[in-house]
Amino acid sequence: MHELALARSIFRIADRAAAGRAVSTIYLDVGVLRQVVPDALDFAWGCMSRQSENLARSKLRINLVSAVITCEECGADTPIDDNLIFACATCNSTRYHVKTGEEFILTEMDVS
């Protein structure tokens, strides 16, 4: 369950950034290709956040970022759906780079 390791990383970042202030909400952008299960991350966060009085009542707000690839042949962007077919929808090339979908970013926090 890599969500526990992710929650531990979020904890370190949020605790340091909070600088002793109470945190109510932590906002995350999580790409669907990261294979994070939001409910498992919420559960892991509940366990981790109890270790700090400043984070104990905080909640995660997870924004799932869809996957898009950019074709290296024709430059077209192709969204990746649940079928996980990594080929350009325009020219069918499998030479691409991932444009979005691999994010795992703490974007902001609500602190008091």
PDB file of N, CA and C in Angstrom:
ATOM      1  N   MET A   1       0.859  -1.175   0.000  1.00  0.00           N
ATOM      2  CA  MET A   1       0.000   0.000   0.000  1.00  0.00           C
ATOM      3  C   MET A   1       0.901   1.232   0.000  1.00  0.00           C
ATOM      4  N   HIS A   2       1.188   1.753  -1.181  1.00  0.00           N
ATOM      5  CA  HIS A   2       2.080   2.902  -1.268  1.00  0.00           C
ATOM      6  C   HIS A   2       1.412   4.197  -0.806  1.00  0.00           C
ATOM      7  N   GLU A   3       0.109   4.160  -0.569  1.00  0.00           N
ATOM      8  CA  GLU A   3      -0.586   5.348  -0.078  1.00  0.00           C
ATOM      9  C   GLU A   3      -0.064   5.780   1.297  1.00  0.00           C
ATOM     10  N   LEU A   4       0.365   4.824   2.119  1.00  0.00           N
ATOM     11  CA  LEU A   4       0.919   5.175   3.423  1.00  0.00           C
ATOM     12  C   LEU A   4       2.223   5.952   3.263  1.00  0.00           C
ATOM     13  N   ALA A   5       3.075   5.528   2.343  1.00  0.00           N
ATOM     14  CA  ALA A   5       4.317   6.266   2.079  1.00  0.00           C
ATOM     15  C   ALA A   5       4.009   7.650   1.518  1.00  0.00           C
ATOM     16  N   LEU A   6       3.008   7.749   0.682  1.00  0.00           N
ATOM     17  CA  LEU A   6       2.612   9.051   0.143  1.00  0.00           C
ATOM     18  C   LEU A   6       2.076   9.953   1.253  1.00  0.00           C
ATOM     19  N   ALA A   7       1.255   9.384   2.132  1.00  0.00           N
ATOM     20  CA  ALA A   7       0.724  10.163   3.252  1.00  0.00           C
ATOM     21  C   ALA A   7       1.860  10.652   4.153  1.00  0.00           C
ATOM     22  N   ARG A   8       2.869   9.826   4.336  1.00  0.00           N
ATOM     23  CA  ARG A   8       4.021  10.215   5.151  1.00  0.00           C
ATOM     24  C   ARG A   8       4.752  11.399   4.509  1.00  0.00           C
ATOM     25  N   SER A   9       4.902  11.377   3.197  1.00  0.00           N
ATOM     26  CA  SER A   9       5.543  12.491   2.487  1.00  0.00           C
ATOM     27  C   SER A   9       4.716  13.765   2.583  1.00  0.00           C
ATOM     28  N   ILE A  10       3.406  13.645   2.404  1.00  0.00           N
ATOM     29  CA  ILE A  10       2.516  14.805   2.540  1.00  0.00           C
ATOM     30  C   ILE A  10       2.639  15.376   3.944  1.00  0.00           C
ATOM     31  N   PHE A  11       2.678  14.489   4.937  1.00  0.00           N
ATOM     32  CA  PHE A  11       2.787  14.914   6.334  1.00  0.00           C
ATOM     33  C   PHE A  11       4.034  15.765   6.545  1.00  0.00           C
ATOM     34  N   ARG A  12       5.172  15.287   6.059  1.00  0.00           N
ATOM     35  CA  ARG A  12       6.425  16.033   6.246  1.00  0.00           C
ATOM     36  C   ARG A  12       6.358  17.420   5.599  1.00  0.00           C
ATOM     37  N   ILE A  13       5.838  17.464   4.386  1.00  0.00           N
ATOM     38  CA  ILE A  13       5.744  18.737   3.663  1.00  0.00           C
ATOM     39  C   ILE A  13       4.769  19.678   4.358  1.00  0.00           C
ATOM     40  N   ALA A  14       3.582  19.177   4.684  1.00  0.00           N
ATOM     41  CA  ALA A  14       2.546  20.022   5.290  1.00  0.00           C
ATOM     42  C   ALA A  14       2.956  20.491   6.679  1.00  0.00           C
ATOM     43  N   ASP A  15       3.549  19.613   7.457  1.00  0.00           N
ATOM     44  CA  ASP A  15       3.961  19.989   8.809  1.00  0.00           C
ATOM     45  C   ASP A  15       5.016  21.089   8.776  1.00  0.00           C
ATOM     46  N   ARG A  16       5.966  20.957   7.869  1.00  0.00           N
ATOM     47  CA  ARG A  16       7.019  21.976   7.728  1.00  0.00           C
ATOM     48  C   ARG A  16       6.426  23.298   7.229  1.00  0.00           C
ATOM     49  N   ALA A  17       5.560  23.237   6.219  1.00  0.00           N
ATOM     50  CA  ALA A  17       4.985  24.453   5.631  1.00  0.00           C
ATOM     51  C   ALA A  17       4.004  25.143   6.584  1.00  0.00           C
ATOM     52  N   ALA A  18       3.347  24.385   7.437  1.00  0.00           N
ATOM     53  CA  ALA A  18       2.378  24.973   8.360  1.00  0.00           C
ATOM     54  C   ALA A  18       3.055  25.832   9.413  1.00  0.00           C
ATOM     55  N   ALA A  19       4.303  25.557   9.706  1.00  0.00           N
ATOM     56  CA  ALA A  19       5.087  26.361  10.660  1.00  0.00           C
ATOM     57  C   ALA A  19       4.337  26.601  11.978  1.00  0.00           C
ATOM     58  N   GLY A  20       3.761  25.525  12.519  1.00  0.00           N
ATOM     59  CA  GLY A  20       3.098  25.627  13.813  1.00  0.00           C
ATOM     60  C   GLY A  20       1.641  26.041  13.776  1.00  0.00           C
ATOM     61  N   ARG A  21       1.124  26.367  12.600  1.00  0.00           N
ATOM     62  CA  ARG A  21      -0.284  26.763  12.475  1.00  0.00           C
ATOM     63  C   ARG A  21      -1.145  25.528  12.195  1.00  0.00           C
ATOM     64  N   ALA A  22      -2.399  25.610  12.582  1.00  0.00           N
ATOM     65  CA  ALA A  22      -3.335  24.518  12.317  1.00  0.00           C
ATOM     66  C   ALA A  22      -3.702  24.494  10.835  1.00  0.00           C
ATOM     67  N   VAL A  23      -3.787  23.319  10.276  1.00  0.00           N
ATOM     68  CA  VAL A  23      -4.140  23.124   8.865  1.00  0.00           C
ATOM     69  C   VAL A  23      -5.524  22.496   8.801  1.00  0.00           C
ATOM     70  N   SER A  24      -6.400  23.063   7.976  1.00  0.00           N
ATOM     71  CA  SER A  24      -7.742  22.491   7.828  1.00  0.00           C
ATOM     72  C   SER A  24      -7.871  21.657   6.555  1.00  0.00           C
ATOM     73  N   THR A  25      -7.252  22.103   5.479  1.00  0.00           N
ATOM     74  CA  THR A  25      -7.387  21.401   4.201  1.00  0.00           C
ATOM     75  C   THR A  25      -6.063  21.412   3.457  1.00  0.00           C
ATOM     76  N   ILE A  26      -5.756  20.268   2.867  1.00  0.00           N
ATOM     77  CA  ILE A  26      -4.576  20.135   2.014  1.00  0.00           C
ATOM     78  C   ILE A  26      -5.068  19.737   0.627  1.00  0.00           C
ATOM     79  N   TYR A  27      -4.677  20.512  -0.377  1.00  0.00           N
ATOM     80  CA  TYR A  27      -5.123  20.285  -1.745  1.00  0.00           C
ATOM     81  C   TYR A  27      -4.017  19.587  -2.538  1.00  0.00           C
ATOM     82  N   LEU A  28      -4.398  18.525  -3.219  1.00  0.00           N
ATOM     83  CA  LEU A  28      -3.443  17.747  -4.008  1.00  0.00           C
ATOM     84  C   LEU A  28      -3.927  17.598  -5.440  1.00  0.00           C
ATOM     85  N   ASP A  29      -2.993  17.679  -6.383  1.00  0.00           N
ATOM     86  CA  ASP A  29      -3.246  17.266  -7.763  1.00  0.00           C
ATOM     87  C   ASP A  29      -2.586  15.905  -7.922  1.00  0.00           C
ATOM     88  N   VAL A  30      -3.380  14.887  -8.250  1.00  0.00           N
ATOM     89  CA  VAL A  30      -2.866  13.533  -8.377  1.00  0.00           C
ATOM     90  C   VAL A  30      -3.230  12.996  -9.759  1.00  0.00           C
ATOM     91  N   GLY A  31      -2.216  12.681 -10.552  1.00  0.00           N
ATOM     92  CA  GLY A  31      -2.442  12.127 -11.877  1.00  0.00           C
ATOM     93  C   GLY A  31      -2.952  10.694 -11.797  1.00  0.00           C
ATOM     94  N   VAL A  32      -3.854  10.365 -12.693  1.00  0.00           N
ATOM     95  CA  VAL A  32      -4.443   9.023 -12.670  1.00  0.00           C
ATOM     96  C   VAL A  32      -3.409   7.927 -12.946  1.00  0.00           C
ATOM     97  N   LEU A  33      -2.312   8.266 -13.590  1.00  0.00           N
ATOM     98  CA  LEU A  33      -1.277   7.269 -13.870  1.00  0.00           C
ATOM     99  C   LEU A  33      -0.433   6.943 -12.638  1.00  0.00           C
ATOM    100  N   ARG A  34      -0.598   7.689 -11.570  1.00  0.00           N
ATOM    101  CA  ARG A  34       0.126   7.434 -10.307  1.00  0.00           C
ATOM    102  C   ARG A  34      -0.439   6.229  -9.568  1.00  0.00           C
ATOM    103  N   GLN A  35      -1.586   5.739  -9.994  1.00  0.00           N
ATOM    104  CA  GLN A  35      -2.233   4.568  -9.402  1.00  0.00           C
ATOM    105  C   GLN A  35      -2.484   4.743  -7.905  1.00  0.00           C
ATOM    106  N   VAL A  36      -2.920   5.933  -7.536  1.00  0.00           N
ATOM    107  CA  VAL A  36      -3.274   6.224  -6.150  1.00  0.00           C
ATOM    108  C   VAL A  36      -4.767   5.960  -5.985  1.00  0.00           C
ATOM    109  N   VAL A  37      -5.117   5.235  -4.944  1.00  0.00           N
ATOM    110  CA  VAL A  37      -6.519   5.003  -4.610  1.00  0.00           C
ATOM    111  C   VAL A  37      -6.916   6.085  -3.606  1.00  0.00           C
ATOM    112  N   PRO A  38      -7.755   7.043  -4.020  1.00  0.00           N
ATOM    113  CA  PRO A  38      -8.080   8.171  -3.144  1.00  0.00           C
ATOM    114  C   PRO A  38      -8.584   7.764  -1.764  1.00  0.00           C
ATOM    115  N   ASP A  39      -9.447   6.757  -1.666  1.00  0.00           N
ATOM    116  CA  ASP A  39      -9.952   6.337  -0.361  1.00  0.00           C
ATOM    117  C   ASP A  39      -8.841   5.770   0.512  1.00  0.00           C
ATOM    118  N   ALA A  40      -7.913   5.046  -0.087  1.00  0.00           N
ATOM    119  CA  ALA A  40      -6.780   4.500   0.667  1.00  0.00           C
ATOM    120  C   ALA A  40      -5.866   5.627   1.137  1.00  0.00           C
ATOM    121  N   LEU A  41      -5.668   6.649   0.293  1.00  0.00           N
ATOM    122  CA  LEU A  41      -4.850   7.788   0.697  1.00  0.00           C
ATOM    123  C   LEU A  41      -5.527   8.562   1.830  1.00  0.00           C
ATOM    124  N   ASP A  42      -6.838   8.736   1.752  1.00  0.00           N
ATOM    125  CA  ASP A  42      -7.581   9.396   2.835  1.00  0.00           C
ATOM    126  C   ASP A  42      -7.421   8.623   4.148  1.00  0.00           C
ATOM    127  N   PHE A  43      -7.534   7.311   4.076  1.00  0.00           N
ATOM    128  CA  PHE A  43      -7.382   6.483   5.273  1.00  0.00           C
ATOM    129  C   PHE A  43      -5.977   6.621   5.845  1.00  0.00           C
ATOM    130  N   ALA A  44      -4.969   6.510   4.982  1.00  0.00           N
ATOM    131  CA  ALA A  44      -3.578   6.639   5.421  1.00  0.00           C
ATOM    132  C   ALA A  44      -3.331   8.025   6.012  1.00  0.00           C
ATOM    133  N   TRP A  45      -3.931   9.055   5.399  1.00  0.00           N
ATOM    134  CA  TRP A  45      -3.771  10.411   5.920  1.00  0.00           C
ATOM    135  C   TRP A  45      -4.374  10.523   7.319  1.00  0.00           C
ATOM    136  N   GLY A  46      -5.518   9.914   7.529  1.00  0.00           N
ATOM    137  CA  GLY A  46      -6.132   9.930   8.850  1.00  0.00           C
ATOM    138  C   GLY A  46      -5.209   9.352   9.911  1.00  0.00           C
ATOM    139  N   CYS A  47      -4.497   8.293   9.570  1.00  0.00           N
ATOM    140  CA  CYS A  47      -3.543   7.683  10.505  1.00  0.00           C
ATOM    141  C   CYS A  47      -2.328   8.578  10.723  1.00  0.00           C
ATOM    142  N   MET A  48      -1.784   9.133   9.661  1.00  0.00           N
ATOM    143  CA  MET A  48      -0.576   9.965   9.758  1.00  0.00           C
ATOM    144  C   MET A  48      -0.854  11.308  10.438  1.00  0.00           C
ATOM    145  N   SER A  49      -1.958  11.932  10.088  1.00  0.00           N
ATOM    146  CA  SER A  49      -2.216  13.298  10.559  1.00  0.00           C
ATOM    147  C   SER A  49      -2.414  13.365  12.070  1.00  0.00           C
ATOM    148  N   ARG A  50      -2.786  12.265  12.691  1.00  0.00           N
ATOM    149  CA  ARG A  50      -2.975  12.240  14.143  1.00  0.00           C
ATOM    150  C   ARG A  50      -1.667  12.462  14.900  1.00  0.00           C
ATOM    151  N   GLN A  51      -0.553  12.356  14.223  1.00  0.00           N
ATOM    152  CA  GLN A  51       0.743  12.503  14.879  1.00  0.00           C
ATOM    153  C   GLN A  51       1.107  13.962  15.147  1.00  0.00           C
ATOM    154  N   SER A  52       0.317  14.887  14.628  1.00  0.00           N
ATOM    155  CA  SER A  52       0.600  16.305  14.834  1.00  0.00           C
ATOM    156  C   SER A  52      -0.689  17.021  15.211  1.00  0.00           C
ATOM    157  N   GLU A  53      -0.627  17.761  16.274  1.00  0.00           N
ATOM    158  CA  GLU A  53      -1.795  18.527  16.701  1.00  0.00           C
ATOM    159  C   GLU A  53      -2.236  19.503  15.614  1.00  0.00           C
ATOM    160  N   ASN A  54      -1.288  20.046  14.860  1.00  0.00           N
ATOM    161  CA  ASN A  54      -1.605  21.027  13.806  1.00  0.00           C
ATOM    162  C   ASN A  54      -2.261  20.397  12.580  1.00  0.00           C
ATOM    163  N   LEU A  55      -2.063  19.109  12.388  1.00  0.00           N
ATOM    164  CA  LEU A  55      -2.618  18.440  11.205  1.00  0.00           C
ATOM    165  C   LEU A  55      -3.761  17.482  11.543  1.00  0.00           C
ATOM    166  N   ALA A  56      -4.006  17.255  12.834  1.00  0.00           N
ATOM    167  CA  ALA A  56      -4.930  16.209  13.272  1.00  0.00           C
ATOM    168  C   ALA A  56      -6.338  16.336  12.692  1.00  0.00           C
ATOM    169  N   ARG A  57      -6.811  17.535  12.458  1.00  0.00           N
ATOM    170  CA  ARG A  57      -8.171  17.718  11.937  1.00  0.00           C
ATOM    171  C   ARG A  57      -8.203  18.085  10.454  1.00  0.00           C
ATOM    172  N   SER A  58      -7.069  17.964   9.810  1.00  0.00           N
ATOM    173  CA  SER A  58      -7.007  18.348   8.391  1.00  0.00           C
ATOM    174  C   SER A  58      -7.598  17.269   7.486  1.00  0.00           C
ATOM    175  N   LYS A  59      -8.065  17.709   6.348  1.00  0.00           N
ATOM    176  CA  LYS A  59      -8.639  16.823   5.327  1.00  0.00           C
ATOM    177  C   LYS A  59      -7.873  17.008   4.023  1.00  0.00           C
ATOM    178  N   LEU A  60      -7.817  15.945   3.249  1.00  0.00           N
ATOM    179  CA  LEU A  60      -7.230  16.023   1.908  1.00  0.00           C
ATOM    180  C   LEU A  60      -8.323  16.309   0.904  1.00  0.00           C
ATOM    181  N   ARG A  61      -8.040  17.177  -0.048  1.00  0.00           N
ATOM    182  CA  ARG A  61      -8.911  17.409  -1.198  1.00  0.00           C
ATOM    183  C   ARG A  61      -8.099  17.003  -2.420  1.00  0.00           C
ATOM    184  N   ILE A  62      -8.493  15.906  -3.021  1.00  0.00           N
ATOM    185  CA  ILE A  62      -7.720  15.322  -4.115  1.00  0.00           C
ATOM    186  C   ILE A  62      -8.376  15.655  -5.442  1.00  0.00           C
ATOM    187  N   ASN A  63      -7.616  16.333  -6.291  1.00  0.00           N
ATOM    188  CA  ASN A  63      -8.045  16.631  -7.654  1.00  0.00           C
ATOM    189  C   ASN A  63      -7.360  15.620  -8.572  1.00  0.00           C
ATOM    190  N   LEU A  64      -8.148  14.699  -9.135  1.00  0.00           N
ATOM    191  CA  LEU A  64      -7.575  13.708 -10.045  1.00  0.00           C
ATOM    192  C   LEU A  64      -7.339  14.347 -11.411  1.00  0.00           C
ATOM    193  N   VAL A  65      -6.103  14.252 -11.890  1.00  0.00           N
ATOM    194  CA  VAL A  65      -5.705  14.847 -13.164  1.00  0.00           C
ATOM    195  C   VAL A  65      -5.698  13.748 -14.221  1.00  0.00           C
ATOM    196  N   SER A  66      -6.462  13.948 -15.283  1.00  0.00           N
ATOM    197  CA  SER A  66      -6.540  12.939 -16.338  1.00  0.00           C
ATOM    198  C   SER A  66      -5.230  12.858 -17.121  1.00  0.00           C
ATOM    199  N   ALA A  67      -5.045  11.728 -17.773  1.00  0.00           N
ATOM    200  CA  ALA A  67      -3.821  11.484 -18.538  1.00  0.00           C
ATOM    201  C   ALA A  67      -3.984  11.944 -19.982  1.00  0.00           C
ATOM    202  N   VAL A  68      -2.957  12.640 -20.467  1.00  0.00           N
ATOM    203  CA  VAL A  68      -2.902  13.087 -21.863  1.00  0.00           C
ATOM    204  C   VAL A  68      -1.480  12.841 -22.354  1.00  0.00           C
ATOM    205  N   ILE A  69      -1.369  12.271 -23.547  1.00  0.00           N
ATOM    206  CA  ILE A  69      -0.054  12.099 -24.164  1.00  0.00           C
ATOM    207  C   ILE A  69       0.062  13.032 -25.365  1.00  0.00           C
ATOM    208  N   THR A  70       1.295  13.441 -25.667  1.00  0.00           N
ATOM    209  CA  THR A  70       1.576  14.247 -26.853  1.00  0.00           C
ATOM    210  C   THR A  70       2.404  13.404 -27.801  1.00  0.00           C
ATOM    211  N   CYS A  71       1.933  13.278 -29.024  1.00  0.00           N
ATOM    212  CA  CYS A  71       2.597  12.468 -30.039  1.00  0.00           C
ATOM    213  C   CYS A  71       3.901  13.134 -30.478  1.00  0.00           C
ATOM    214  N   GLU A  72       4.966  12.369 -30.522  1.00  0.00           N
ATOM    215  CA  GLU A  72       6.247  12.901 -30.980  1.00  0.00           C
ATOM    216  C   GLU A  72       6.335  12.947 -32.508  1.00  0.00           C
ATOM    217  N   GLU A  73       5.422  12.274 -33.190  1.00  0.00           N
ATOM    218  CA  GLU A  73       5.396  12.268 -34.659  1.00  0.00           C
ATOM    219  C   GLU A  73       4.625  13.465 -35.219  1.00  0.00           C
ATOM    220  N   CYS A  74       3.392  13.644 -34.754  1.00  0.00           N
ATOM    221  CA  CYS A  74       2.544  14.695 -35.340  1.00  0.00           C
ATOM    222  C   CYS A  74       2.216  15.826 -34.375  1.00  0.00           C
ATOM    223  N   GLY A  75       2.546  15.670 -33.088  1.00  0.00           N
ATOM    224  CA  GLY A  75       2.306  16.726 -32.110  1.00  0.00           C
ATOM    225  C   GLY A  75       0.908  16.771 -31.523  1.00  0.00           C
ATOM    226  N   ALA A  76       0.049  15.846 -31.921  1.00  0.00           N
ATOM    227  CA  ALA A  76      -1.324  15.840 -31.422  1.00  0.00           C
ATOM    228  C   ALA A  76      -1.379  15.376 -29.961  1.00  0.00           C
ATOM    229  N   ASP A  77      -2.305  15.943 -29.215  1.00  0.00           N
ATOM    230  CA  ASP A  77      -2.571  15.496 -27.849  1.00  0.00           C
ATOM    231  C   ASP A  77      -3.685  14.463 -27.876  1.00  0.00           C
ATOM    232  N   THR A  78      -3.507  13.388 -27.104  1.00  0.00           N
ATOM    233  CA  THR A  78      -4.502  12.328 -27.027  1.00  0.00           C
ATOM    234  C   THR A  78      -4.804  12.028 -25.569  1.00  0.00           C
ATOM    235  N   PRO A  79      -6.075  12.171 -25.163  1.00  0.00           N
ATOM    236  CA  PRO A  79      -6.420  11.763 -23.796  1.00  0.00           C
ATOM    237  C   PRO A  79      -6.375  10.244 -23.675  1.00  0.00           C
ATOM    238  N   ILE A  80      -5.938   9.775 -22.515  1.00  0.00           N
ATOM    239  CA  ILE A  80      -5.883   8.338 -22.250  1.00  0.00           C
ATOM    240  C   ILE A  80      -7.098   7.991 -21.394  1.00  0.00           C
ATOM    241  N   ASP A  81      -7.898   7.067 -21.882  1.00  0.00           N
ATOM    242  CA  ASP A  81      -9.095   6.685 -21.133  1.00  0.00           C
ATOM    243  C   ASP A  81      -8.813   5.426 -20.304  1.00  0.00           C
ATOM    244  N   ASP A  82      -9.863   4.826 -19.773  1.00  0.00           N
ATOM    245  CA  ASP A  82      -9.723   3.652 -18.913  1.00  0.00           C
ATOM    246  C   ASP A  82      -9.142   2.439 -19.631  1.00  0.00           C
ATOM    247  N   ASN A  83      -9.142   2.454 -20.958  1.00  0.00           N
ATOM    248  CA  ASN A  83      -8.569   1.340 -21.715  1.00  0.00           C
ATOM    249  C   ASN A  83      -7.047   1.359 -21.713  1.00  0.00           C
ATOM    250  N   LEU A  84      -6.460   2.491 -21.340  1.00  0.00           N
ATOM    251  CA  LEU A  84      -5.003   2.658 -21.264  1.00  0.00           C
ATOM    252  C   LEU A  84      -4.293   2.309 -22.565  1.00  0.00           C
ATOM    253  N   ILE A  85      -4.823   2.819 -23.670  1.00  0.00           N
ATOM    254  CA  ILE A  85      -4.182   2.641 -24.968  1.00  0.00           C
ATOM    255  C   ILE A  85      -3.296   3.855 -25.214  1.00  0.00           C
ATOM    256  N   PHE A  86      -1.984   3.623 -25.205  1.00  0.00           N
ATOM    257  CA  PHE A  86      -1.022   4.708 -25.359  1.00  0.00           C
ATOM    258  C   PHE A  86      -0.565   4.790 -26.809  1.00  0.00           C
ATOM    259  N   ALA A  87      -1.438   5.334 -27.639  1.00  0.00           N
ATOM    260  CA  ALA A  87      -1.143   5.546 -29.048  1.00  0.00           C
ATOM    261  C   ALA A  87      -1.856   6.816 -29.484  1.00  0.00           C
ATOM    262  N   CYS A  88      -1.244   7.522 -30.408  1.00  0.00           N
ATOM    263  CA  CYS A  88      -1.811   8.763 -30.908  1.00  0.00           C
ATOM    264  C   CYS A  88      -3.139   8.487 -31.609  1.00  0.00           C
ATOM    265  N   ALA A  89      -4.163   9.256 -31.253  1.00  0.00           N
ATOM    266  CA  ALA A  89      -5.479   9.099 -31.882  1.00  0.00           C
ATOM    267  C   ALA A  89      -5.481   9.630 -33.310  1.00  0.00           C
ATOM    268  N   THR A  90      -4.507  10.484 -33.649  1.00  0.00           N
ATOM    269  CA  THR A  90      -4.455  11.078 -34.982  1.00  0.00           C
ATOM    270  C   THR A  90      -3.685  10.211 -35.967  1.00  0.00           C
ATOM    271  N   CYS A  91      -2.464   9.786 -35.592  1.00  0.00           N
ATOM    272  CA  CYS A  91      -1.617   9.044 -36.543  1.00  0.00           C
ATOM    273  C   CYS A  91      -1.288   7.620 -36.090  1.00  0.00           C
ATOM    274  N   ASN A  92      -1.776   7.230 -34.918  1.00  0.00           N
ATOM    275  CA  ASN A  92      -1.593   5.887 -34.364  1.00  0.00           C
ATOM    276  C   ASN A  92      -0.153   5.589 -33.933  1.00  0.00           C
ATOM    277  N   SER A  93       0.690   6.590 -33.863  1.00  0.00           N
ATOM    278  CA  SER A  93       2.073   6.391 -33.431  1.00  0.00           C
ATOM    279  C   SER A  93       2.111   6.039 -31.942  1.00  0.00           C
ATOM    280  N   THR A  94       3.086   5.236 -31.577  1.00  0.00           N
ATOM    281  CA  THR A  94       3.295   4.927 -30.162  1.00  0.00           C
ATOM    282  C   THR A  94       4.523   5.653 -29.620  1.00  0.00           C
ATOM    283  N   ARG A  95       5.000   6.628 -30.375  1.00  0.00           N
ATOM    284  CA  ARG A  95       6.085   7.499 -29.891  1.00  0.00           C
ATOM    285  C   ARG A  95       5.430   8.738 -29.293  1.00  0.00           C
ATOM    286  N   TYR A  96       5.517   8.882 -28.003  1.00  0.00           N
ATOM    287  CA  TYR A  96       4.816   9.950 -27.305  1.00  0.00           C
ATOM    288  C   TYR A  96       5.569  10.314 -26.028  1.00  0.00           C
ATOM    289  N   HIS A  97       5.163  11.414 -25.431  1.00  0.00           N
ATOM    290  CA  HIS A  97       5.563  11.706 -24.053  1.00  0.00           C
ATOM    291  C   HIS A  97       4.299  12.058 -23.274  1.00  0.00           C
ATOM    292  N   VAL A  98       4.335  11.762 -22.002  1.00  0.00           N
ATOM    293  CA  VAL A  98       3.178  12.008 -21.153  1.00  0.00           C
ATOM    294  C   VAL A  98       3.123  13.500 -20.815  1.00  0.00           C
ATOM    295  N   LYS A  99       2.009  14.113 -21.166  1.00  0.00           N
ATOM    296  CA  LYS A  99       1.818  15.543 -20.915  1.00  0.00           C
ATOM    297  C   LYS A  99       1.234  15.771 -19.518  1.00  0.00           C
ATOM    298  N   THR A 100       0.200  15.027 -19.174  1.00  0.00           N
ATOM    299  CA  THR A 100      -0.413  15.095 -17.845  1.00  0.00           C
ATOM    300  C   THR A 100      -0.809  13.696 -17.405  1.00  0.00           C
ATOM    301  N   GLY A 101      -0.964  13.548 -16.107  1.00  0.00           N
ATOM    302  CA  GLY A 101      -1.418  12.274 -15.561  1.00  0.00           C
ATOM    303  C   GLY A 101      -0.440  11.642 -14.600  1.00  0.00           C
ATOM    304  N   GLU A 102       0.777  12.205 -14.511  1.00  0.00           N
ATOM    305  CA  GLU A 102       1.773  11.659 -13.590  1.00  0.00           C
ATOM    306  C   GLU A 102       2.021  12.573 -12.382  1.00  0.00           C
ATOM    307  N   GLU A 103       1.203  13.589 -12.224  1.00  0.00           N
ATOM    308  CA  GLU A 103       1.392  14.563 -11.150  1.00  0.00           C
ATOM    309  C   GLU A 103       1.159  13.929  -9.771  1.00  0.00           C
ATOM    310  N   PHE A 104       1.864  14.443  -8.813  1.00  0.00           N
ATOM    311  CA  PHE A 104       1.551  14.240  -7.399  1.00  0.00           C
ATOM    312  C   PHE A 104       2.082  15.486  -6.701  1.00  0.00           C
ATOM    313  N   ILE A 105       1.214  16.486  -6.602  1.00  0.00           N
ATOM    314  CA  ILE A 105       1.640  17.817  -6.171  1.00  0.00           C
ATOM    315  C   ILE A 105       0.728  18.335  -5.061  1.00  0.00           C
ATOM    316  N   LEU A 106       1.340  18.762  -3.980  1.00  0.00           N
ATOM    317  CA  LEU A 106       0.597  19.486  -2.943  1.00  0.00           C
ATOM    318  C   LEU A 106       0.530  20.920  -3.453  1.00  0.00           C
ATOM    319  N   THR A 107      -0.652  21.354  -3.858  1.00  0.00           N
ATOM    320  CA  THR A 107      -0.795  22.652  -4.510  1.00  0.00           C
ATOM    321  C   THR A 107      -1.031  23.796  -3.539  1.00  0.00           C
ATOM    322  N   GLU A 108      -1.776  23.544  -2.450  1.00  0.00           N
ATOM    323  CA  GLU A 108      -2.023  24.601  -1.470  1.00  0.00           C
ATOM    324  C   GLU A 108      -2.578  24.012  -0.186  1.00  0.00           C
ATOM    325  N   MET A 109      -2.596  24.827   0.865  1.00  0.00           N
ATOM    326  CA  MET A 109      -3.133  24.424   2.151  1.00  0.00           C
ATOM    327  C   MET A 109      -3.928  25.575   2.742  1.00  0.00           C
ATOM    328  N   ASP A 110      -4.990  25.227   3.444  1.00  0.00           N
ATOM    329  CA  ASP A 110      -5.730  26.213   4.227  1.00  0.00           C
ATOM    330  C   ASP A 110      -5.213  26.119   5.661  1.00  0.00           C
ATOM    331  N   VAL A 111      -4.642  27.226   6.146  1.00  0.00           N
ATOM    332  CA  VAL A 111      -4.096  27.262   7.507  1.00  0.00           C
ATOM    333  C   VAL A 111      -4.740  28.396   8.287  1.00  0.00           C
ATOM    334  N   SER A 112      -4.674  28.271   9.614  1.00  0.00           N
ATOM    335  CA  SER A 112      -5.237  29.350  10.448  1.00  0.00           C
ATOM    336  C   SER A 112      -4.128  30.112  11.133  1.00  0.00           C
TER     337      SER A 112
END
